[in-house]
Amino acid sequence: MEYLSVFLPSLGVGLIFYLVMRWLFRGDRAERSAQANVEQDAERWYEDLKEREGDQVPFGYQEVSSKKKRGLELKNSIPIRDTPQDK
Protein backbone atom coordinates (compact mmCIF):
# COMPACT_ATOMS: atom_id res chain seq x y z
CA MET A 1 0.00 0.00 0.00
CA GLU A 2 2.90 2.34 0.69
CA TYR A 3 4.18 1.88 -2.87
CA LEU A 4 0.83 2.92 -4.32
CA SER A 5 0.76 6.14 -2.28
CA VAL A 6 4.28 6.93 -3.53
CA PHE A 7 3.55 6.36 -7.24
CA LEU A 8 0.02 7.77 -7.32
CA PRO A 9 1.03 11.49 -7.58
CA SER A 10 3.50 10.71 -10.37
CA LEU A 11 0.93 8.64 -12.23
CA GLY A 12 -1.66 11.41 -11.85
CA VAL A 13 0.70 14.06 -13.20
CA GLY A 14 1.69 11.73 -16.05
CA LEU A 15 -1.95 11.12 -16.94
CA ILE A 16 -2.73 14.84 -16.94
CA PHE A 17 0.35 15.50 -19.11
CA TYR A 18 -0.73 12.78 -21.55
CA LEU A 19 -4.27 14.16 -21.84
CA VAL A 20 -3.06 17.74 -22.37
CA MET A 21 -0.56 16.69 -25.05
CA ARG A 22 -3.21 14.55 -26.80
CA TRP A 23 -5.57 17.53 -26.77
CA LEU A 24 -2.87 19.80 -28.25
CA PHE A 25 -1.92 17.35 -31.00
CA ARG A 26 -5.53 16.74 -31.98
CA GLY A 27 -6.18 20.48 -32.11
CA ASP A 28 -3.11 21.01 -34.27
CA ARG A 29 -4.16 18.21 -36.63
CA ALA A 30 -7.65 19.68 -36.95
CA GLU A 31 -6.25 23.17 -37.59
CA ARG A 32 -3.89 21.90 -40.31
CA SER A 33 -6.75 20.01 -41.94
CA ALA A 34 -8.97 23.09 -41.91
CA GLN A 35 -6.16 25.24 -43.34
CA ALA A 36 -5.59 22.74 -46.17
CA ASN A 37 -9.31 22.73 -46.96
CA VAL A 38 -9.38 26.54 -47.07
CA GLU A 39 -6.37 26.65 -49.39
CA GLN A 40 -7.89 24.05 -51.73
CA ASP A 41 -11.18 25.96 -51.78
CA ALA A 42 -9.40 29.23 -52.58
CA GLU A 43 -7.40 27.54 -55.35
CA ARG A 44 -10.58 26.09 -56.88
CA TRP A 45 -12.29 29.49 -56.68
CA TYR A 46 -9.35 31.22 -58.33
CA GLU A 47 -9.15 28.63 -61.14
CA ASP A 48 -12.91 28.94 -61.76
CA LEU A 49 -12.58 32.72 -61.83
CA LYS A 50 -9.72 32.56 -64.34
CA GLU A 51 -11.76 30.23 -66.57
CA ARG A 52 -14.80 32.51 -66.36
CA GLU A 53 -12.91 35.77 -66.96
CA GLY A 54 -10.66 34.46 -69.72
CA ASP A 55 -7.22 36.01 -70.04
CA GLN A 56 -7.95 38.82 -67.62
CA VAL A 57 -6.16 38.31 -64.37
CA PRO A 58 -8.55 39.28 -61.56
CA PHE A 59 -5.87 40.60 -59.20
CA GLY A 60 -3.60 42.39 -61.67
CA TYR A 61 -0.58 41.19 -63.54
CA GLN A 62 2.65 40.04 -62.02
CA GLU A 63 5.62 42.07 -63.12
CA VAL A 64 8.11 39.87 -64.95
CA SER A 65 11.63 41.15 -64.62
CA SER A 66 14.81 39.63 -66.00
CA LYS A 67 16.84 41.67 -63.53
CA LYS A 68 18.08 39.64 -60.58
CA LYS A 69 16.43 40.90 -57.41
CA ARG A 70 18.47 41.18 -54.26
CA GLY A 71 17.84 41.99 -50.66
CA LEU A 72 14.37 41.82 -49.16
CA GLU A 73 12.66 43.08 -52.33
CA LEU A 74 10.76 45.75 -50.45
CA LYS A 75 9.14 48.60 -52.35
CA ASN A 76 10.72 52.00 -51.83
CA SER A 77 13.70 50.47 -50.06
CA ILE A 78 17.33 51.43 -50.41
CA PRO A 79 19.09 49.14 -52.91
CA ILE A 80 21.96 47.04 -51.63
CA ARG A 81 25.17 47.27 -53.66
CA ASP A 82 27.91 44.73 -53.13
CA THR A 83 30.41 46.00 -55.68
CA PRO A 84 31.05 49.29 -57.47
CA GLN A 85 30.01 47.64 -60.76
CA ASP A 86 26.41 47.22 -59.54
CA LYS A 87 24.14 49.89 -60.92
PDB file of N, CA and C in Angstrom:
ATOM      1  N   MET A   1       0.811  -1.192   0.000  1.00  0.00           N
ATOM      2  CA  MET A   1       0.000   0.000   0.000  1.00  0.00           C
ATOM      3  C   MET A   1       0.859   1.262   0.000  1.00  0.00           C
ATOM      4  N   GLU A   2       2.017   1.188   0.647  1.00  0.00           N
ATOM      5  CA  GLU A   2       2.897   2.340   0.690  1.00  0.00           C
ATOM      6  C   GLU A   2       3.407   2.681  -0.720  1.00  0.00           C
ATOM      7  N   TYR A   3       3.668   1.655  -1.517  1.00  0.00           N
ATOM      8  CA  TYR A   3       4.179   1.885  -2.871  1.00  0.00           C
ATOM      9  C   TYR A   3       3.143   2.604  -3.735  1.00  0.00           C
ATOM     10  N   LEU A   4       1.896   2.270  -3.549  1.00  0.00           N
ATOM     11  CA  LEU A   4       0.828   2.918  -4.318  1.00  0.00           C
ATOM     12  C   LEU A   4       0.728   4.404  -3.955  1.00  0.00           C
ATOM     13  N   SER A   5       0.841   4.728  -2.694  1.00  0.00           N
ATOM     14  CA  SER A   5       0.760   6.136  -2.284  1.00  0.00           C
ATOM     15  C   SER A   5       1.978   6.931  -2.773  1.00  0.00           C
ATOM     16  N   VAL A   6       3.097   6.247  -3.019  1.00  0.00           N
ATOM     17  CA  VAL A   6       4.284   6.928  -3.526  1.00  0.00           C
ATOM     18  C   VAL A   6       4.153   7.185  -5.025  1.00  0.00           C
ATOM     19  N   PHE A   7       3.638   6.236  -5.782  1.00  0.00           N
ATOM     20  CA  PHE A   7       3.551   6.358  -7.241  1.00  0.00           C
ATOM     21  C   PHE A   7       2.291   7.072  -7.725  1.00  0.00           C
ATOM     22  N   LEU A   8       1.279   7.165  -6.900  1.00  0.00           N
ATOM     23  CA  LEU A   8       0.018   7.770  -7.319  1.00  0.00           C
ATOM     24  C   LEU A   8       0.165   9.227  -7.774  1.00  0.00           C
ATOM     25  N   PRO A   9       0.875  10.110  -7.084  1.00  0.00           N
ATOM     26  CA  PRO A   9       1.030  11.487  -7.580  1.00  0.00           C
ATOM     27  C   PRO A   9       1.746  11.539  -8.942  1.00  0.00           C
ATOM     28  N   SER A  10       2.781  10.730  -9.097  1.00  0.00           N
ATOM     29  CA  SER A  10       3.499  10.711 -10.372  1.00  0.00           C
ATOM     30  C   SER A  10       2.608  10.195 -11.493  1.00  0.00           C
ATOM     31  N   LEU A  11       1.843   9.165 -11.224  1.00  0.00           N
ATOM     32  CA  LEU A  11       0.926   8.642 -12.235  1.00  0.00           C
ATOM     33  C   LEU A  11      -0.149   9.663 -12.582  1.00  0.00           C
ATOM     34  N   GLY A  12      -0.644  10.379 -11.594  1.00  0.00           N
ATOM     35  CA  GLY A  12      -1.661  11.408 -11.848  1.00  0.00           C
ATOM     36  C   GLY A  12      -1.118  12.537 -12.716  1.00  0.00           C
ATOM     37  N   VAL A  13       0.089  13.002 -12.406  1.00  0.00           N
ATOM     38  CA  VAL A  13       0.696  14.063 -13.203  1.00  0.00           C
ATOM     39  C   VAL A  13       0.975  13.552 -14.614  1.00  0.00           C
ATOM     40  N   GLY A  14       1.439  12.320 -14.729  1.00  0.00           N
ATOM     41  CA  GLY A  14       1.694  11.726 -16.046  1.00  0.00           C
ATOM     42  C   GLY A  14       0.425  11.619 -16.868  1.00  0.00           C
ATOM     43  N   LEU A  15      -0.666  11.232 -16.240  1.00  0.00           N
ATOM     44  CA  LEU A  15      -1.948  11.120 -16.939  1.00  0.00           C
ATOM     45  C   LEU A  15      -2.438  12.491 -17.408  1.00  0.00           C
ATOM     46  N   ILE A  16      -2.323  13.485 -16.550  1.00  0.00           N
ATOM     47  CA  ILE A  16      -2.727  14.840 -16.939  1.00  0.00           C
ATOM     48  C   ILE A  16      -1.868  15.335 -18.095  1.00  0.00           C
ATOM     49  N   PHE A  17      -0.547  15.096 -18.028  1.00  0.00           N
ATOM     50  CA  PHE A  17       0.350  15.502 -19.106  1.00  0.00           C
ATOM     51  C   PHE A  17      -0.035  14.812 -20.407  1.00  0.00           C
ATOM     52  N   TYR A  18      -0.332  13.519 -20.355  1.00  0.00           N
ATOM     53  CA  TYR A  18      -0.730  12.780 -21.551  1.00  0.00           C
ATOM     54  C   TYR A  18      -2.004  13.358 -22.159  1.00  0.00           C
ATOM     55  N   LEU A  19      -2.998  13.632 -21.333  1.00  0.00           N
ATOM     56  CA  LEU A  19      -4.266  14.160 -21.836  1.00  0.00           C
ATOM     57  C   LEU A  19      -4.096  15.548 -22.459  1.00  0.00           C
ATOM     58  N   VAL A  20      -3.287  16.402 -21.829  1.00  0.00           N
ATOM     59  CA  VAL A  20      -3.063  17.742 -22.374  1.00  0.00           C
ATOM     60  C   VAL A  20      -2.335  17.650 -23.710  1.00  0.00           C
ATOM     61  N   MET A  21      -1.305  16.820 -23.790  1.00  0.00           N
ATOM     62  CA  MET A  21      -0.562  16.686 -25.050  1.00  0.00           C
ATOM     63  C   MET A  21      -1.455  16.099 -26.144  1.00  0.00           C
ATOM     64  N   ARG A  22      -2.286  15.127 -25.815  1.00  0.00           N
ATOM     65  CA  ARG A  22      -3.206  14.545 -26.796  1.00  0.00           C
ATOM     66  C   ARG A  22      -4.171  15.612 -27.308  1.00  0.00           C
ATOM     67  N   TRP A  23      -4.654  16.453 -26.398  1.00  0.00           N
ATOM     68  CA  TRP A  23      -5.567  17.532 -26.771  1.00  0.00           C
ATOM     69  C   TRP A  23      -4.871  18.524 -27.709  1.00  0.00           C
ATOM     70  N   LEU A  24      -3.621  18.874 -27.400  1.00  0.00           N
ATOM     71  CA  LEU A  24      -2.873  19.800 -28.250  1.00  0.00           C
ATOM     72  C   LEU A  24      -2.619  19.216 -29.639  1.00  0.00           C
ATOM     73  N   PHE A  25      -2.204  17.963 -29.707  1.00  0.00           N
ATOM     74  CA  PHE A  25      -1.921  17.351 -31.003  1.00  0.00           C
ATOM     75  C   PHE A  25      -3.182  17.190 -31.845  1.00  0.00           C
ATOM     76  N   ARG A  26      -4.283  16.846 -31.225  1.00  0.00           N
ATOM     77  CA  ARG A  26      -5.533  16.737 -31.980  1.00  0.00           C
ATOM     78  C   ARG A  26      -5.990  18.101 -32.485  1.00  0.00           C
ATOM     79  N   GLY A  27      -5.830  19.127 -31.674  1.00  0.00           N
ATOM     80  CA  GLY A  27      -6.184  20.477 -32.111  1.00  0.00           C
ATOM     81  C   GLY A  27      -5.313  20.942 -33.270  1.00  0.00           C
ATOM     82  N   ASP A  28      -4.018  20.635 -33.194  1.00  0.00           N
ATOM     83  CA  ASP A  28      -3.108  21.013 -34.273  1.00  0.00           C
ATOM     84  C   ASP A  28      -3.464  20.281 -35.558  1.00  0.00           C
ATOM     85  N   ARG A  29      -3.783  18.998 -35.450  1.00  0.00           N
ATOM     86  CA  ARG A  29      -4.158  18.208 -36.629  1.00  0.00           C
ATOM     87  C   ARG A  29      -5.436  18.768 -37.259  1.00  0.00           C
ATOM     88  N   ALA A  30      -6.398  19.124 -36.433  1.00  0.00           N
ATOM     89  CA  ALA A  30      -7.646  19.676 -36.952  1.00  0.00           C
ATOM     90  C   ALA A  30      -7.410  21.038 -37.611  1.00  0.00           C
ATOM     91  N   GLU A  31      -6.538  21.852 -37.022  1.00  0.00           N
ATOM     92  CA  GLU A  31      -6.249  23.170 -37.588  1.00  0.00           C
ATOM     93  C   GLU A  31      -5.539  23.033 -38.937  1.00  0.00           C
ATOM     94  N   ARG A  32      -4.588  22.116 -39.042  1.00  0.00           N
ATOM     95  CA  ARG A  32      -3.888  21.902 -40.309  1.00  0.00           C
ATOM     96  C   ARG A  32      -4.849  21.388 -41.386  1.00  0.00           C
ATOM     97  N   SER A  33      -5.761  20.520 -40.999  1.00  0.00           N
ATOM     98  CA  SER A  33      -6.746  20.007 -41.942  1.00  0.00           C
ATOM     99  C   SER A  33      -7.663  21.122 -42.438  1.00  0.00           C
ATOM    100  N   ALA A  34      -8.112  21.968 -41.526  1.00  0.00           N
ATOM    101  CA  ALA A  34      -8.973  23.088 -41.906  1.00  0.00           C
ATOM    102  C   ALA A  34      -8.228  24.064 -42.814  1.00  0.00           C
ATOM    103  N   GLN A  35      -6.958  24.329 -42.512  1.00  0.00           N
ATOM    104  CA  GLN A  35      -6.165  25.237 -43.344  1.00  0.00           C
ATOM    105  C   GLN A  35      -5.988  24.670 -44.747  1.00  0.00           C
ATOM    106  N   ALA A  36      -5.732  23.371 -44.858  1.00  0.00           N
ATOM    107  CA  ALA A  36      -5.586  22.743 -46.172  1.00  0.00           C
ATOM    108  C   ALA A  36      -6.895  22.830 -46.959  1.00  0.00           C
ATOM    109  N   ASN A  37      -8.020  22.621 -46.292  1.00  0.00           N
ATOM    110  CA  ASN A  37      -9.312  22.733 -46.962  1.00  0.00           C
ATOM    111  C   ASN A  37      -9.566  24.150 -47.462  1.00  0.00           C
ATOM    112  N   VAL A  38      -9.202  25.141 -46.657  1.00  0.00           N
ATOM    113  CA  VAL A  38      -9.382  26.535 -47.066  1.00  0.00           C
ATOM    114  C   VAL A  38      -8.511  26.849 -48.274  1.00  0.00           C
ATOM    115  N   GLU A  39      -7.268  26.387 -48.273  1.00  0.00           N
ATOM    116  CA  GLU A  39      -6.374  26.653 -49.389  1.00  0.00           C
ATOM    117  C   GLU A  39      -6.864  25.971 -50.669  1.00  0.00           C
ATOM    118  N   GLN A  40      -7.359  24.742 -50.556  1.00  0.00           N
ATOM    119  CA  GLN A  40      -7.895  24.051 -51.730  1.00  0.00           C
ATOM    120  C   GLN A  40      -9.128  24.777 -52.262  1.00  0.00           C
ATOM    121  N   ASP A  41      -9.986  25.238 -51.367  1.00  0.00           N
ATOM    122  CA  ASP A  41     -11.180  25.956 -51.784  1.00  0.00           C
ATOM    123  C   ASP A  41     -10.814  27.264 -52.485  1.00  0.00           C
ATOM    124  N   ALA A  42      -9.836  27.980 -51.955  1.00  0.00           N
ATOM    125  CA  ALA A  42      -9.398  29.235 -52.580  1.00  0.00           C
ATOM    126  C   ALA A  42      -8.775  28.959 -53.948  1.00  0.00           C
ATOM    127  N   GLU A  43      -8.011  27.885 -54.065  1.00  0.00           N
ATOM    128  CA  GLU A  43      -7.403  27.541 -55.351  1.00  0.00           C
ATOM    129  C   GLU A  43      -8.469  27.197 -56.386  1.00  0.00           C
ATOM    130  N   ARG A  44      -9.478  26.422 -55.970  1.00  0.00           N
ATOM    131  CA  ARG A  44     -10.583  26.093 -56.880  1.00  0.00           C
ATOM    132  C   ARG A  44     -11.329  27.348 -57.316  1.00  0.00           C
ATOM    133  N   TRP A  45     -11.597  28.250 -56.365  1.00  0.00           N
ATOM    134  CA  TRP A  45     -12.294  29.489 -56.681  1.00  0.00           C
ATOM    135  C   TRP A  45     -11.489  30.312 -57.678  1.00  0.00           C
ATOM    136  N   TYR A  46     -10.190  30.418 -57.460  1.00  0.00           N
ATOM    137  CA  TYR A  46      -9.347  31.224 -58.333  1.00  0.00           C
ATOM    138  C   TYR A  46      -9.287  30.612 -59.731  1.00  0.00           C
ATOM    139  N   GLU A  47      -9.174  29.290 -59.827  1.00  0.00           N
ATOM    140  CA  GLU A  47      -9.149  28.628 -61.140  1.00  0.00           C
ATOM    141  C   GLU A  47     -10.482  28.823 -61.863  1.00  0.00           C
ATOM    142  N   ASP A  48     -11.593  28.697 -61.147  1.00  0.00           N
ATOM    143  CA  ASP A  48     -12.905  28.941 -61.758  1.00  0.00           C
ATOM    144  C   ASP A  48     -13.029  30.382 -62.234  1.00  0.00           C
ATOM    145  N   LEU A  49     -12.532  31.318 -61.452  1.00  0.00           N
ATOM    146  CA  LEU A  49     -12.584  32.725 -61.830  1.00  0.00           C
ATOM    147  C   LEU A  49     -11.744  32.987 -63.076  1.00  0.00           C
ATOM    148  N   LYS A  50     -10.562  32.379 -63.153  1.00  0.00           N
ATOM    149  CA  LYS A  50      -9.724  32.561 -64.337  1.00  0.00           C
ATOM    150  C   LYS A  50     -10.389  31.975 -65.575  1.00  0.00           C
ATOM    151  N   GLU A  51     -11.055  30.827 -65.436  1.00  0.00           N
ATOM    152  CA  GLU A  51     -11.759  30.235 -66.572  1.00  0.00           C
ATOM    153  C   GLU A  51     -12.923  31.118 -67.011  1.00  0.00           C
ATOM    154  N   ARG A  52     -13.638  31.684 -66.058  1.00  0.00           N
ATOM    155  CA  ARG A  52     -14.803  32.515 -66.358  1.00  0.00           C
ATOM    156  C   ARG A  52     -14.403  33.847 -66.987  1.00  0.00           C
ATOM    157  N   GLU A  53     -13.318  34.450 -66.499  1.00  0.00           N
ATOM    158  CA  GLU A  53     -12.912  35.771 -66.959  1.00  0.00           C
ATOM    159  C   GLU A  53     -12.008  35.717 -68.193  1.00  0.00           C
ATOM    160  N   GLY A  54     -11.535  34.565 -68.556  1.00  0.00           N
ATOM    161  CA  GLY A  54     -10.656  34.458 -69.717  1.00  0.00           C
ATOM    162  C   GLY A  54      -9.234  34.828 -69.374  1.00  0.00           C
ATOM    163  N   ASP A  55      -8.617  35.636 -70.247  1.00  0.00           N
ATOM    164  CA  ASP A  55      -7.217  36.005 -70.045  1.00  0.00           C
ATOM    165  C   ASP A  55      -7.027  37.107 -69.018  1.00  0.00           C
ATOM    166  N   GLN A  56      -8.079  37.743 -68.601  1.00  0.00           N
ATOM    167  CA  GLN A  56      -7.953  38.817 -67.625  1.00  0.00           C
ATOM    168  C   GLN A  56      -7.586  38.224 -66.265  1.00  0.00           C
ATOM    169  N   VAL A  57      -6.566  38.763 -65.683  1.00  0.00           N
ATOM    170  CA  VAL A  57      -6.156  38.307 -64.370  1.00  0.00           C
ATOM    171  C   VAL A  57      -6.913  39.138 -63.345  1.00  0.00           C
ATOM    172  N   PRO A  58      -7.682  38.518 -62.459  1.00  0.00           N
ATOM    173  CA  PRO A  58      -8.547  39.279 -61.558  1.00  0.00           C
ATOM    174  C   PRO A  58      -7.810  40.163 -60.557  1.00  0.00           C
ATOM    175  N   PHE A  59      -6.586  39.834 -60.217  1.00  0.00           N
ATOM    176  CA  PHE A  59      -5.873  40.604 -59.202  1.00  0.00           C
ATOM    177  C   PHE A  59      -4.666  41.323 -59.775  1.00  0.00           C
ATOM    178  N   GLY A  60      -4.699  41.661 -61.040  1.00  0.00           N
ATOM    179  CA  GLY A  60      -3.599  42.390 -61.666  1.00  0.00           C
ATOM    180  C   GLY A  60      -2.570  41.425 -62.237  1.00  0.00           C
ATOM    181  N   TYR A  61      -1.610  41.985 -62.900  1.00  0.00           N
ATOM    182  CA  TYR A  61      -0.575  41.195 -63.545  1.00  0.00           C
ATOM    183  C   TYR A  61       0.689  41.212 -62.703  1.00  0.00           C
ATOM    184  N   GLN A  62       1.373  40.083 -62.706  1.00  0.00           N
ATOM    185  CA  GLN A  62       2.649  40.038 -62.017  1.00  0.00           C
ATOM    186  C   GLN A  62       3.714  40.629 -62.924  1.00  0.00           C
ATOM    187  N   GLU A  63       4.557  41.436 -62.361  1.00  0.00           N
ATOM    188  CA  GLU A  63       5.617  42.067 -63.123  1.00  0.00           C
ATOM    189  C   GLU A  63       6.724  41.038 -63.350  1.00  0.00           C
ATOM    190  N   VAL A  64       7.057  40.807 -64.610  1.00  0.00           N
ATOM    191  CA  VAL A  64       8.111  39.867 -64.947  1.00  0.00           C
ATOM    192  C   VAL A  64       9.365  40.682 -65.229  1.00  0.00           C
ATOM    193  N   SER A  65      10.412  40.400 -64.474  1.00  0.00           N
ATOM    194  CA  SER A  65      11.634  41.152 -64.620  1.00  0.00           C
ATOM    195  C   SER A  65      12.792  40.187 -64.812  1.00  0.00           C
ATOM    196  N   SER A  66      13.652  40.477 -65.783  1.00  0.00           N
ATOM    197  CA  SER A  66      14.812  39.632 -65.999  1.00  0.00           C
ATOM    198  C   SER A  66      15.947  40.035 -65.071  1.00  0.00           C
ATOM    199  N   LYS A  67      15.812  41.189 -64.440  1.00  0.00           N
ATOM    200  CA  LYS A  67      16.837  41.673 -63.528  1.00  0.00           C
ATOM    201  C   LYS A  67      16.811  40.850 -62.242  1.00  0.00           C
ATOM    202  N   LYS A  68      17.983  40.437 -61.799  1.00  0.00           N
ATOM    203  CA  LYS A  68      18.079  39.641 -60.583  1.00  0.00           C
ATOM    204  C   LYS A  68      17.781  40.528 -59.376  1.00  0.00           C
ATOM    205  N   LYS A  69      16.799  40.124 -58.579  1.00  0.00           N
ATOM    206  CA  LYS A  69      16.427  40.901 -57.410  1.00  0.00           C
ATOM    207  C   LYS A  69      17.301  40.478 -56.242  1.00  0.00           C
ATOM    208  N   ARG A  70      17.625  41.459 -55.410  1.00  0.00           N
ATOM    209  CA  ARG A  70      18.473  41.181 -54.264  1.00  0.00           C
ATOM    210  C   ARG A  70      17.891  41.843 -53.031  1.00  0.00           C
ATOM    211  N   GLY A  71      18.328  41.404 -51.894  1.00  0.00           N
ATOM    212  CA  GLY A  71      17.841  41.993 -50.655  1.00  0.00           C
ATOM    213  C   GLY A  71      16.468  41.449 -50.302  1.00  0.00           C
ATOM    214  N   LEU A  72      15.683  42.240 -49.612  1.00  0.00           N
ATOM    215  CA  LEU A  72      14.366  41.822 -49.159  1.00  0.00           C
ATOM    216  C   LEU A  72      13.269  42.114 -50.157  1.00  0.00           C
ATOM    217  N   GLU A  73      13.596  42.752 -51.270  1.00  0.00           N
ATOM    218  CA  GLU A  73      12.660  43.080 -52.330  1.00  0.00           C
ATOM    219  C   GLU A  73      11.495  43.932 -51.828  1.00  0.00           C
ATOM    220  N   LEU A  74      11.789  44.876 -50.965  1.00  0.00           N
ATOM    221  CA  LEU A  74      10.755  45.753 -50.450  1.00  0.00           C
ATOM    222  C   LEU A  74      10.607  46.954 -51.366  1.00  0.00           C
ATOM    223  N   LYS A  75       9.383  47.412 -51.549  1.00  0.00           N
ATOM    224  CA  LYS A  75       9.145  48.604 -52.350  1.00  0.00           C
ATOM    225  C   LYS A  75       9.683  49.819 -51.610  1.00  0.00           C
ATOM    226  N   ASN A  76      10.188  50.757 -52.365  1.00  0.00           N
ATOM    227  CA  ASN A  76      10.722  52.002 -51.826  1.00  0.00           C
ATOM    228  C   ASN A  76      11.834  51.780 -50.805  1.00  0.00           C
ATOM    229  N   SER A  77      12.600  50.723 -50.976  1.00  0.00           N
ATOM    230  CA  SER A  77      13.701  50.468 -50.063  1.00  0.00           C
ATOM    231  C   SER A  77      15.011  50.902 -50.709  1.00  0.00           C
ATOM    232  N   ILE A  78      16.014  51.037 -49.915  1.00  0.00           N
ATOM    233  CA  ILE A  78      17.327  51.427 -50.405  1.00  0.00           C
ATOM    234  C   ILE A  78      17.979  50.203 -51.032  1.00  0.00           C
ATOM    235  N   PRO A  79      18.463  50.300 -52.288  1.00  0.00           N
ATOM    236  CA  PRO A  79      19.089  49.143 -52.908  1.00  0.00           C
ATOM    237  C   PRO A  79      20.421  48.799 -52.241  1.00  0.00           C
ATOM    238  N   ILE A  80      20.717  47.523 -52.220  1.00  0.00           N
ATOM    239  CA  ILE A  80      21.965  47.042 -51.634  1.00  0.00           C
ATOM    240  C   ILE A  80      22.958  46.837 -52.771  1.00  0.00           C
ATOM    241  N   ARG A  81      24.141  47.419 -52.628  1.00  0.00           N
ATOM    242  CA  ARG A  81      25.166  47.267 -53.656  1.00  0.00           C
ATOM    243  C   ARG A  81      26.377  46.594 -53.038  1.00  0.00           C
ATOM    244  N   ASP A  82      26.772  45.469 -53.641  1.00  0.00           N
ATOM    245  CA  ASP A  82      27.910  44.730 -53.130  1.00  0.00           C
ATOM    246  C   ASP A  82      29.218  45.227 -53.735  1.00  0.00           C
ATOM    247  N   THR A  83      29.187  45.592 -55.000  1.00  0.00           N
ATOM    248  CA  THR A  83      30.414  46.005 -55.684  1.00  0.00           C
ATOM    249  C   THR A  83      30.167  47.320 -56.396  1.00  0.00           C
ATOM    250  N   PRO A  84      31.233  48.040 -56.742  1.00  0.00           N
ATOM    251  CA  PRO A  84      31.049  49.293 -57.470  1.00  0.00           C
ATOM    252  C   PRO A  84      30.457  49.088 -58.869  1.00  0.00           C
ATOM    253  N   GLN A  85      30.535  47.889 -59.424  1.00  0.00           N
ATOM    254  CA  GLN A  85      30.009  47.637 -60.761  1.00  0.00           C
ATOM    255  C   GLN A  85      28.478  47.549 -60.757  1.00  0.00           C
ATOM    256  N   ASP A  86      27.876  47.300 -59.614  1.00  0.00           N
ATOM    257  CA  ASP A  86      26.415  47.220 -59.545  1.00  0.00           C
ATOM    258  C   ASP A  86      25.810  48.577 -59.801  1.00  0.00           C
ATOM    259  N   LYS A  87      24.782  48.617 -60.599  1.00  0.00           N
ATOM    260  CA  LYS A  87      24.137  49.889 -60.921  1.00  0.00           C
ATOM    261  C   LYS A  87      22.774  49.967 -60.292  1.00  0.00           C
TER     262      LYS A  87
END
